[in-house]
Protein backbone atom coordinates (compact mmCIF):
# COMPACT_ATOMS: atom_id res chain seq x y z
CA UNK A 1 0.00 0.00 0.00
CA UNK A 2 1.30 3.43 -0.91
CA UNK A 3 0.27 6.85 0.43
CA UNK A 4 0.22 10.26 -1.19
CA UNK A 5 -0.78 13.78 -0.14
CA UNK A 6 -3.71 15.10 -2.12
CA UNK A 7 -2.97 18.66 -0.99
CA UNK A 8 -5.21 21.65 -0.49
CA UNK A 9 -8.66 21.16 -1.99
CA UNK A 10 -9.85 24.74 -2.36
CA UNK A 11 -10.22 25.18 1.41
CA UNK A 12 -7.36 26.57 3.49
CA UNK A 13 -5.92 23.97 5.81
CA UNK A 14 -7.96 21.00 4.57
CA UNK A 15 -5.47 18.29 3.72
CA UNK A 16 -5.96 14.59 3.10
CA UNK A 17 -3.65 11.64 2.99
CA UNK A 18 -4.64 9.04 0.37
CA UNK A 19 -3.51 5.44 0.60
CA UNK A 20 -3.96 3.35 -2.52
CA UNK A 21 -3.27 -0.36 -2.92
CA UNK A 22 -0.84 -1.50 -5.58
CA UNK A 23 -3.43 -3.80 -7.16
CA UNK A 24 -7.04 -2.99 -8.02
CA UNK A 25 -8.26 -6.24 -6.49
CA UNK A 26 -6.41 -5.77 -3.21
CA UNK A 27 -7.94 -4.58 0.05
CA UNK A 28 -7.09 -0.94 -0.43
CA UNK A 29 -8.32 2.34 -1.79
CA UNK A 30 -8.84 4.53 1.27
CA UNK A 31 -7.60 7.94 2.16
CA UNK A 32 -7.92 9.87 5.38
CA UNK A 33 -9.21 13.43 5.47
CA UNK A 34 -8.71 15.90 8.29
CA UNK A 35 -11.44 18.05 9.81
CA UNK A 36 -12.35 21.39 8.34
CA UNK A 37 -11.30 23.07 11.60
CA UNK A 38 -7.64 22.16 11.17
CA UNK A 39 -5.21 24.92 10.27
CA UNK A 40 -2.21 26.89 11.43
CA UNK A 41 -0.90 26.25 14.94
CA UNK A 42 0.73 29.66 15.33
CA UNK A 43 -2.48 31.67 15.78
CA UNK A 44 -2.10 33.22 12.30
CA UNK A 45 -4.73 34.36 9.85
CA UNK A 46 -6.66 31.08 9.96
CA UNK A 47 -7.81 31.83 13.51
CA UNK A 48 -7.33 28.19 14.55
CA UNK A 49 -5.18 27.67 17.64
CA UNK A 50 -4.13 24.05 17.19
CA UNK A 51 -4.05 21.12 14.82
CA UNK A 52 -3.62 18.12 17.14
CA UNK A 53 -6.47 15.63 16.72
CA UNK A 54 -7.46 12.35 18.37
CA UNK A 55 -10.06 9.66 17.77
CA UNK A 56 -12.81 8.83 20.23
CA UNK A 57 -14.77 5.98 18.67
CA UNK A 58 -16.04 7.41 15.36
CA UNK A 59 -15.52 11.04 16.35
CA UNK A 60 -12.55 13.21 15.47
CA UNK A 61 -11.67 15.52 18.39
CA UNK A 62 -9.28 18.47 18.08
CA UNK A 63 -7.29 19.99 20.96
CA UNK A 64 -10.04 22.57 21.60
CA UNK A 65 -12.58 19.79 22.12
CA UNK A 66 -14.44 20.33 18.86
CA UNK A 67 -15.90 17.08 17.51
CA UNK A 68 -16.54 15.82 13.99
CA UNK A 69 -18.46 12.60 13.41
CA UNK A 70 -16.70 10.43 10.82
CA UNK A 71 -19.18 8.55 8.65
CA UNK A 72 -16.62 5.89 7.74
CA UNK A 73 -14.87 5.88 11.10
CA UNK A 74 -11.96 7.72 12.68
CA UNK A 75 -8.44 6.38 12.10
CA UNK A 76 -5.00 7.26 13.48
CA UNK A 77 -2.21 7.36 10.96
CA UNK A 78 1.37 8.38 11.78
CA UNK A 79 0.13 9.73 15.17
CA UNK A 80 -2.37 11.95 13.35
CA UNK A 81 -6.10 11.23 13.64
CA UNK A 82 -8.26 11.65 10.55
CA UNK A 83 -11.70 10.78 9.19
CA UNK A 84 -11.48 7.92 6.71
CA UNK A 85 -12.50 8.58 3.11
CA UNK A 86 -12.46 5.79 0.53
CA UNK A 87 -10.57 6.33 -2.71
CA UNK A 88 -12.39 5.23 -5.87
CA UNK A 89 -10.71 2.94 -8.34
CA UNK A 90 -11.09 5.73 -10.92
CA UNK A 91 -11.51 7.96 -12.75
CA UNK A 92 -12.47 10.23 -9.81
CA UNK A 93 -10.29 10.58 -6.69
CA UNK A 94 -10.73 10.92 -2.94
CA UNK A 95 -10.16 14.64 -3.42
CA UNK A 96 -13.36 14.84 -5.49
CA UNK A 97 -15.27 13.44 -2.50
CA UNK A 98 -13.91 16.13 -0.15
CA UNK A 99 -15.07 19.16 -2.12
CA UNK A 100 -17.18 21.81 -0.42
CA UNK A 101 -19.91 24.15 -1.62
CA UNK A 102 -21.40 21.80 -4.21
CA UNK A 103 -25.05 21.87 -5.27
CA UNK A 104 -27.51 18.99 -5.20
CA UNK A 105 -28.41 17.69 -8.67
CA UNK A 106 -31.65 16.03 -9.81
CA UNK A 107 -31.75 14.65 -13.35
CA UNK A 108 -34.67 13.21 -15.27
CA UNK A 109 -36.89 13.47 -18.32
CA UNK A 110 -36.44 16.77 -20.15
CA UNK A 111 -32.87 17.32 -19.00
CA UNK A 112 -30.12 17.54 -21.59
CA UNK A 113 -26.58 16.61 -20.54
CA UNK A 114 -23.66 17.62 -22.75
CA UNK A 115 -20.81 15.17 -22.20
CA UNK A 116 -18.35 17.26 -24.23
CA UNK A 117 -18.55 20.59 -22.38
CA UNK A 118 -20.48 19.88 -19.17
CA UNK A 119 -23.59 21.92 -19.91
CA UNK A 120 -26.82 20.71 -18.29
CA UNK A 121 -30.08 22.16 -19.55
CA UNK A 122 -33.75 21.78 -18.63
CA UNK A 123 -35.56 22.29 -21.90
CA UNK A 124 -33.90 24.32 -24.62
CA UNK A 125 -32.93 27.43 -22.62
CA UNK A 126 -32.88 26.85 -18.86
CA UNK A 127 -29.26 26.20 -17.86
CA UNK A 128 -28.72 24.08 -14.75
CA UNK A 129 -25.00 24.20 -15.44
CA UNK A 130 -23.09 26.48 -17.79
CA UNK A 131 -20.57 24.83 -20.17
CA UNK A 132 -16.88 24.74 -19.33
CA UNK A 133 -14.61 27.30 -20.91
CA UNK A 134 -12.12 24.44 -21.30
CA UNK A 135 -13.61 20.92 -21.13
CA UNK A 136 -10.29 19.41 -20.07
CA UNK A 137 -10.02 21.76 -17.07
CA UNK A 138 -11.63 21.00 -13.72
CA UNK A 139 -14.17 23.85 -13.52
CA UNK A 140 -17.05 24.71 -11.19
CA UNK A 141 -20.15 26.16 -12.86
CA UNK A 142 -23.40 26.67 -10.94
CA UNK A 143 -21.75 24.79 -8.03
CA UNK A 144 -21.33 21.64 -10.14
CA UNK A 145 -17.91 20.40 -11.26
CA UNK A 146 -17.13 19.06 -14.73
CA UNK A 147 -14.03 17.88 -16.53
CA UNK A 148 -13.05 15.50 -19.30
CA UNK A 149 -10.28 13.28 -17.95
CA UNK A 150 -8.66 10.48 -19.94
CA UNK A 151 -11.54 10.51 -22.39
CA UNK A 152 -14.24 10.25 -19.69
CA UNK A 153 -16.80 12.98 -18.91
CA UNK A 154 -17.02 13.52 -15.12
CA UNK A 155 -19.75 15.46 -13.27
CA UNK A 156 -19.40 16.14 -9.51
CA UNK A 157 -22.19 17.38 -7.21
CA UNK A 158 -23.19 17.14 -3.53
CA UNK A 159 -26.01 14.61 -3.92
CA UNK A 160 -27.37 13.23 -7.19
CA UNK A 161 -30.85 11.83 -7.87
CA UNK A 162 -32.08 10.27 -11.11
CA UNK A 163 -35.87 10.49 -11.50
CA UNK A 164 -36.11 9.89 -15.25
CA UNK A 165 -34.05 9.48 -18.41
CA UNK A 166 -32.02 12.55 -19.37
CA UNK A 167 -30.92 13.03 -22.97
CA UNK A 168 -27.17 12.81 -23.54
CA UNK A 169 -25.75 15.07 -26.24
CA UNK A 170 -22.42 16.47 -27.38
CA UNK A 171 -21.35 19.79 -28.89
CA UNK A 172 -19.13 19.82 -31.97
CA UNK A 173 -18.58 23.29 -33.39
CA UNK A 174 -21.99 24.92 -33.41
CA UNK A 175 -23.91 21.64 -33.57
CA UNK A 176 -25.45 20.04 -30.50
CA UNK A 177 -26.56 16.49 -31.21
CA UNK A 178 -27.10 13.13 -29.53
CA UNK A 179 -24.91 11.61 -32.23
CA UNK A 180 -21.91 13.47 -30.73
CA UNK A 181 -22.39 11.95 -27.25
CA UNK A 182 -19.48 9.55 -27.65
CA UNK A 183 -17.66 9.94 -24.34
CA UNK A 184 -18.24 7.57 -21.39
CA UNK A 185 -19.78 9.42 -18.45
CA UNK A 186 -19.32 9.21 -14.67
CA UNK A 187 -21.42 10.97 -12.02
CA UNK A 188 -19.74 11.63 -8.67
CA UNK A 189 -21.58 12.69 -5.48
CA UNK A 190 -19.85 13.85 -2.32
CA UNK A 191 -22.66 12.27 -0.32
CA UNK A 192 -25.17 9.91 -1.95
CA UNK A 193 -26.67 8.89 -5.28
CA UNK A 194 -30.22 7.60 -5.71
CA UNK A 195 -31.48 5.97 -8.92
CA UNK A 196 -35.27 6.05 -8.67
CA UNK A 197 -35.94 5.27 -12.32
CA UNK A 198 -34.73 2.91 -15.02
CA UNK A 199 -31.77 4.60 -16.68
CA UNK A 200 -32.04 3.13 -20.17
CA UNK A 201 -28.71 4.20 -21.63
CA UNK A 202 -28.28 4.63 -25.40
CA UNK A 203 -26.28 2.04 -27.33
CA UNK A 204 -23.66 3.07 -29.84
CA UNK A 205 -22.98 6.16 -27.68
CA UNK A 206 -21.34 7.06 -24.32
CA UNK A 207 -18.34 4.86 -25.08
CA UNK A 208 -20.26 2.07 -26.80
CA UNK A 209 -19.09 1.13 -30.29
CA UNK A 210 -21.21 2.10 -33.27
CA UNK A 211 -22.50 -0.84 -35.24
CA UNK A 212 -21.06 -1.57 -38.66
CA UNK A 213 -22.44 0.97 -41.15
CA UNK A 214 -24.35 0.10 -44.34
CA UNK A 215 -22.00 2.20 -46.49
CA UNK A 216 -18.78 0.63 -45.21
CA UNK A 217 -17.53 -2.29 -47.27
CA UNK A 218 -15.86 -4.15 -44.43
CA UNK A 219 -18.87 -3.68 -42.11
CA UNK A 220 -16.62 -3.08 -39.14
CA UNK A 221 -18.30 -2.37 -35.81
CA UNK A 222 -16.38 -0.15 -33.40
CA UNK A 223 -16.02 -0.53 -29.66
CA UNK A 224 -13.56 -1.49 -27.00
CA UNK A 225 -14.80 -5.06 -26.88
CA UNK A 226 -13.38 -5.68 -30.33
CA UNK A 227 -14.78 -4.65 -33.69
CA UNK A 228 -16.40 -7.16 -36.00
CA UNK A 229 -16.26 -7.32 -39.75
CA UNK A 230 -18.02 -8.82 -42.70
CA UNK A 231 -15.30 -8.21 -45.28
CA UNK A 232 -15.94 -10.60 -48.16
CA UNK A 233 -18.77 -12.09 -46.13
CA UNK A 234 -22.49 -11.46 -45.94
CA UNK A 235 -23.48 -11.57 -42.28
CA UNK A 236 -22.24 -9.43 -39.41
CA UNK A 237 -20.48 -10.88 -36.39
CA UNK A 238 -21.63 -10.04 -32.86
CA UNK A 239 -19.79 -7.47 -30.76
CA UNK A 240 -17.47 -8.71 -28.03
CA UNK A 241 -16.96 -7.52 -24.46
CA UNK A 242 -16.87 -9.74 -21.34
CA UNK A 243 -16.62 -12.67 -23.76
CA UNK A 244 -16.27 -12.94 -27.51
CA UNK A 245 -19.40 -12.30 -29.54
CA UNK A 246 -21.17 -14.80 -31.80
CA UNK A 247 -19.89 -15.36 -35.32
CA UNK A 248 -22.16 -14.54 -38.24
CA UNK A 249 -23.78 -17.48 -40.01
CA UNK A 250 -22.27 -18.71 -43.28
CA UNK A 251 -23.98 -17.88 -46.57
CA UNK A 252 -24.13 -20.10 -49.65
CA UNK A 253 -24.35 -19.45 -53.37
CA UNK A 254 -25.71 -22.29 -55.51
CA UNK A 255 -25.50 -22.20 -59.28
CA UNK A 256 -22.84 -22.34 -61.95
CA UNK A 257 -20.15 -21.35 -59.44
CA UNK A 258 -21.19 -22.58 -55.97
CA UNK A 259 -19.42 -20.89 -53.11
CA UNK A 260 -19.57 -20.38 -49.38
CA UNK A 261 -19.07 -17.00 -47.76
CA UNK A 262 -17.88 -17.19 -44.17
CA UNK A 263 -19.90 -15.20 -41.67
CA UNK A 264 -18.47 -12.08 -40.08
CA UNK A 265 -15.94 -12.73 -37.33
CA UNK A 266 -17.02 -12.33 -33.73
CA UNK A 267 -15.72 -9.42 -31.70
CA UNK A 268 -13.00 -10.34 -29.22
CA UNK A 269 -13.26 -10.25 -25.43
CA UNK A 270 -12.15 -7.24 -23.42
CA UNK A 271 -12.51 -7.76 -19.68
CA UNK A 272 -10.13 -5.27 -18.04
CA UNK A 273 -11.14 -4.25 -14.51
CA UNK A 274 -12.58 -0.72 -14.10
CA UNK A 275 -11.73 0.18 -17.69
CA UNK A 276 -14.30 2.73 -18.86
CA UNK A 277 -14.97 1.37 -22.32
CA UNK A 278 -18.27 0.20 -23.75
CA UNK A 279 -19.28 -2.83 -25.75
CA UNK A 280 -18.20 -3.63 -29.30
CA UNK A 281 -20.63 -2.88 -32.12
CA UNK A 282 -22.00 -5.63 -34.32
CA UNK A 283 -20.78 -6.04 -37.88
CA UNK A 284 -22.88 -4.99 -40.86
CA UNK A 285 -24.62 -7.44 -43.18
CA UNK A 286 -24.80 -7.13 -46.96
CA UNK A 287 -26.35 -8.83 -49.97
CA UNK A 288 -26.97 -7.89 -53.63
CA UNK A 289 -25.55 -4.42 -53.14
CA UNK A 290 -27.62 -3.73 -50.00
CA UNK A 291 -26.09 -3.38 -46.56
CA UNK A 292 -27.60 -3.34 -43.10
CA UNK A 293 -26.26 -1.93 -39.85
CA UNK A 294 -24.92 -3.88 -36.92
CA UNK A 295 -26.25 -3.07 -33.45
CA UNK A 296 -24.47 -0.46 -31.36
CA UNK A 297 -22.54 -1.51 -28.27
CA UNK A 298 -23.76 -0.70 -24.76
CA UNK A 299 -22.61 2.46 -22.98
CA UNK A 300 -19.83 2.92 -20.41
CA UNK A 301 -21.35 4.53 -17.32
CA UNK A 302 -20.26 5.05 -13.73
CA UNK A 303 -21.62 6.20 -10.35
CA UNK A 304 -19.33 7.15 -7.45
CA UNK A 305 -20.61 8.35 -4.06
CA UNK A 306 -18.81 9.24 -0.85
CA UNK A 307 -21.53 7.75 1.37
CA UNK A 308 -23.92 5.37 -0.44
CA UNK A 309 -25.66 4.49 -3.70
CA UNK A 310 -29.28 3.30 -3.87
CA UNK A 311 -30.48 1.41 -6.94
CA UNK A 312 -34.24 1.70 -6.74
CA UNK A 313 -36.68 2.56 -3.97
CA UNK A 314 -38.83 -0.58 -4.07
CA UNK A 315 -41.58 0.89 -6.25
CA UNK A 316 -40.64 -0.55 -9.64
CA UNK A 317 -37.93 -1.62 -12.06
CA UNK A 318 -35.23 0.90 -11.22
CA UNK A 319 -31.56 0.74 -12.02
CA UNK A 320 -29.21 0.91 -14.99
CA UNK A 321 -29.59 -0.78 -18.38
CA UNK A 322 -26.46 -0.59 -20.55
CA UNK A 323 -27.50 -3.23 -23.08
CA UNK A 324 -26.32 -3.58 -26.65
CA UNK A 325 -28.71 -3.05 -29.56
CA UNK A 326 -29.85 -5.73 -31.98
CA UNK A 327 -28.56 -6.09 -35.52
CA UNK A 328 -30.72 -4.63 -38.30
CA UNK A 329 -32.55 -6.90 -40.75
CA UNK A 330 -33.54 -5.88 -44.28
CA UNK A 331 -35.11 -7.96 -47.03
CA UNK A 332 -32.66 -8.96 -49.75
CA UNK A 333 -29.76 -8.48 -47.34
CA UNK A 334 -27.98 -10.60 -44.75
CA UNK A 335 -28.42 -9.67 -41.09
CA UNK A 336 -26.22 -7.39 -39.02
CA UNK A 337 -24.62 -8.62 -35.80
CA UNK A 338 -25.81 -7.65 -32.33
CA UNK A 339 -23.93 -5.12 -30.22
CA UNK A 340 -22.27 -6.20 -26.99
CA UNK A 341 -23.45 -5.02 -23.58
CA UNK A 342 -21.67 -2.04 -22.03
CA UNK A 343 -19.79 -1.33 -18.80
CA UNK A 344 -21.39 -0.16 -15.53
CA UNK A 345 -19.37 0.76 -12.44
CA UNK A 346 -20.84 1.63 -9.03
CA UNK A 347 -18.48 2.65 -6.23
CA UNK A 348 -19.38 3.75 -2.71
CA UNK A 349 -18.89 2.61 0.89
CA UNK A 350 -22.28 0.91 0.57
CA UNK A 351 -24.48 0.04 -2.43
CA UNK A 352 -28.12 -0.87 -1.77
CA UNK A 353 -30.32 -2.72 -4.29
CA UNK A 354 -34.05 -2.39 -3.61
CA UNK A 355 -36.92 -4.55 -4.87
CA UNK A 356 -36.95 -4.44 -8.66
CA UNK A 357 -33.58 -2.67 -8.74
CA UNK A 358 -30.31 -3.67 -10.31
CA UNK A 359 -27.94 -3.46 -13.27
CA UNK A 360 -28.04 -5.11 -16.69
CA UNK A 361 -25.49 -5.06 -19.51
CA UNK A 362 -26.72 -7.77 -21.86
CA UNK A 363 -25.82 -8.22 -25.53
CA UNK A 364 -28.17 -7.60 -28.45
CA UNK A 365 -29.41 -10.28 -30.82
CA UNK A 366 -28.28 -10.66 -34.43
CA UNK A 367 -30.66 -10.04 -37.31
CA UNK A 368 -32.12 -12.86 -39.41
CA UNK A 369 -35.20 -13.99 -41.27
CA UNK A 370 -38.45 -15.81 -40.66
CA UNK A 371 -41.24 -16.80 -43.04
CA UNK A 372 -42.43 -13.21 -43.17
CA UNK A 373 -39.07 -11.72 -44.15
CA UNK A 374 -36.18 -9.98 -42.44
CA UNK A 375 -36.32 -9.48 -38.65
CA UNK A 376 -34.00 -7.30 -36.59
CA UNK A 377 -32.45 -8.72 -33.43
CA UNK A 378 -33.76 -7.67 -30.03
CA UNK A 379 -31.99 -5.14 -27.85
CA UNK A 380 -30.81 -6.46 -24.50
CA UNK A 381 -33.37 -5.94 -21.75
CA UNK A 382 -33.27 -5.00 -18.06
CA UNK A 383 -33.43 -8.65 -17.00
CA UNK A 384 -31.36 -11.81 -17.08
CA UNK A 385 -33.21 -13.02 -20.19
CA UNK A 386 -31.05 -12.97 -23.29
CA UNK A 387 -32.05 -10.97 -26.35
CA UNK A 388 -33.45 -13.11 -29.17
CA UNK A 389 -31.94 -13.18 -32.62
CA UNK A 390 -34.23 -12.11 -35.45
CA UNK A 391 -36.36 -14.89 -36.92
CA UNK A 392 -35.54 -17.43 -34.24
CA UNK A 393 -39.14 -18.55 -33.59
CA UNK A 394 -40.34 -18.96 -37.19
CA UNK A 395 -37.70 -20.22 -39.58
CA UNK A 396 -37.34 -19.07 -43.16
CA UNK A 397 -36.95 -21.90 -45.62
CA UNK A 398 -33.89 -20.31 -47.23
CA UNK A 399 -32.31 -17.95 -44.74
CA UNK A 400 -31.07 -18.34 -41.17
CA UNK A 401 -32.04 -16.73 -37.92
CA UNK A 402 -29.81 -14.39 -35.97
CA UNK A 403 -27.75 -15.43 -32.97
CA UNK A 404 -28.95 -14.71 -29.45
CA UNK A 405 -27.29 -12.08 -27.28
CA UNK A 406 -25.26 -12.90 -24.19
CA UNK A 407 -26.71 -12.54 -20.67
CA UNK A 408 -26.21 -14.07 -17.22
CA UNK A 409 -25.72 -17.80 -17.74
CA UNK A 410 -26.10 -17.54 -21.53
CA UNK A 411 -23.24 -17.06 -23.97
CA UNK A 412 -23.92 -15.30 -27.28
CA UNK A 413 -24.67 -17.69 -30.12
CA UNK A 414 -23.60 -17.86 -33.74
CA UNK A 415 -25.98 -16.82 -36.49
CA UNK A 416 -27.57 -19.77 -38.27
CA UNK A 417 -26.04 -20.94 -41.55
CA UNK A 418 -28.28 -22.01 -44.46
CA UNK A 419 -27.66 -24.05 -47.63
CA UNK A 420 -31.00 -25.25 -48.97
CA UNK A 421 -32.03 -22.73 -51.62
CA UNK A 422 -31.05 -21.83 -55.15
CA UNK A 423 -29.55 -19.51 -56.22
CA UNK A 424 -28.67 -17.75 -52.97
CA UNK A 425 -29.25 -18.00 -49.24
CA UNK A 426 -27.60 -16.37 -46.28
CA UNK A 427 -27.19 -16.80 -42.57
CA UNK A 428 -28.11 -14.67 -39.59
CA UNK A 429 -25.95 -12.15 -37.77
CA UNK A 430 -24.09 -13.21 -34.63
CA UNK A 431 -25.29 -12.32 -31.13
CA UNK A 432 -23.54 -9.64 -29.05
CA UNK A 433 -21.68 -10.60 -25.89
CA UNK A 434 -22.68 -9.60 -22.38
CA UNK A 435 -20.88 -6.58 -20.97
CA UNK A 436 -19.10 -5.87 -17.68
CA UNK A 437 -20.20 -4.73 -14.22
CA UNK A 438 -17.81 -3.51 -11.52
CA UNK A 439 -18.79 -2.95 -7.87
CA UNK A 440 -16.49 -1.42 -5.26
CA UNK A 441 -17.71 -1.16 -1.64
CA UNK A 442 -16.32 -1.52 1.86
CA UNK A 443 -17.79 -5.03 2.11
CA UNK A 444 -16.80 -6.04 -1.40
CA UNK A 445 -20.41 -6.53 -2.44
CA UNK A 446 -23.78 -4.78 -2.50
CA UNK A 447 -26.62 -5.04 0.02
CA UNK A 448 -29.51 -7.03 -1.46
CA UNK A 449 -32.81 -5.61 -0.19
CA UNK A 450 -34.83 -6.90 -3.16
CA UNK A 451 -36.54 -10.02 -1.73
CA UNK A 452 -35.45 -11.95 -4.79
CA UNK A 453 -36.59 -9.40 -7.39
CA UNK A 454 -33.17 -7.93 -8.09
CA UNK A 455 -31.87 -7.69 -11.68
CA UNK A 456 -28.15 -8.36 -12.05
CA UNK A 457 -26.94 -9.54 -15.46
CA UNK A 458 -24.24 -10.60 -15.99
CA UNK A 459 -23.70 -11.67 -12.40
CA UNK A 460 -20.72 -14.01 -12.85
CA UNK A 461 -18.65 -13.75 -16.04
CA UNK A 462 -17.57 -10.16 -16.57
CA UNK A 463 -18.31 -8.99 -13.03
CA UNK A 464 -15.65 -7.53 -10.74
CA UNK A 465 -16.21 -7.05 -7.01
CA UNK A 466 -13.61 -5.05 -5.08
CA UNK A 467 -13.42 -4.55 -1.33
CA UNK A 468 -12.43 -1.07 -0.21
CA UNK A 469 -10.94 -0.75 3.27
CA UNK A 470 -11.60 2.09 5.71
CA UNK A 471 -8.55 1.18 7.75
CA UNK A 472 -5.51 3.44 7.82
CA UNK A 473 -2.29 1.66 6.86
């Protein structure tokens, strides 16, 4: 375990000593912050007469007898008593959790959040937060902090409540559009975060890879989980993330020159701990000069709170859905692959999951055909049920169905291959892989208050649980 001084955090005399483990899976990640009453011991301009502090149970007591209750306990380090403050695994720091003067923030339907410059609007004109002058700088506007750090948009407030689905946008030049909302986003609260709605995050945005485009010959789908391609093939492969995606089904040409076209390759796995990258996009499908899009990958999204995070309040299906989208099906064209599920990180001393609450990052289904024609794959849902590939329930006599998306206990499947018709037939797109979920708490897990109604998918493969310690080294 190593320690570092975080320094002055905009408040004279407030220092904190952060201790971070050498490995993200170790019992580590805590810093210790002093009381706001600490300062100069020489009776100077701070007006504070002493700096000596001691611990009495969970209270920090200075030499004048003033007491501060430490929510995470009081610890003595190098003969200096301090209130414990956990250090997130990233991208925020313990210093972000010690800020003062921040506003409370409630976000829901009708709010517009700009992940490129930090502006938050209610409607078209009402500004809840003004944009940064420099997005890469840590700036306070309307008592809310924003910065873009290592390609991640970070918002910091006192408490944060989600009551509906805000619209994520980005500003490029003079254009403000949802299509520019490419950056992963993390919301940080000094105190607590409550998710009292179903945050249905967009796929293909917020760090999720865009599906393979109809106008791109190789049909490549972007995304950290590994792109997929249909170069010289007809069906799109599924996006990869916690695991590899499903390969696209093979297509067959029967006639004077019979041939087999291999389905699009599956996206590769990408399972790095606390890496803020979304799911891979599905590959595009093509046939007879027509091309269809692959499904977009799920978003990369994080919540960090200094005290606690609540997923749901017991009144409905509340939580976070970072699923991948299904591949697109078009008649006279092979199916696109499904996008992989995204990445969701929740970090706090305690995380509570209420009835109906939870997190899902399932993969989308690949597109295919049934007896009625082309069918797009399903988007991953807020459940542990995997998304169905297009056409899976009613088979087409010539063309294959799409692969199913990955979910808890279910790997993504390959698109079906077909070889029964003349002159041409083609397979379905591959299913997208399940995404990743990372939880960091003092216990190493969340508190299940759901009475068996919790949604958590995936819950095994692709999930990282990290225990954060409140003990001083």
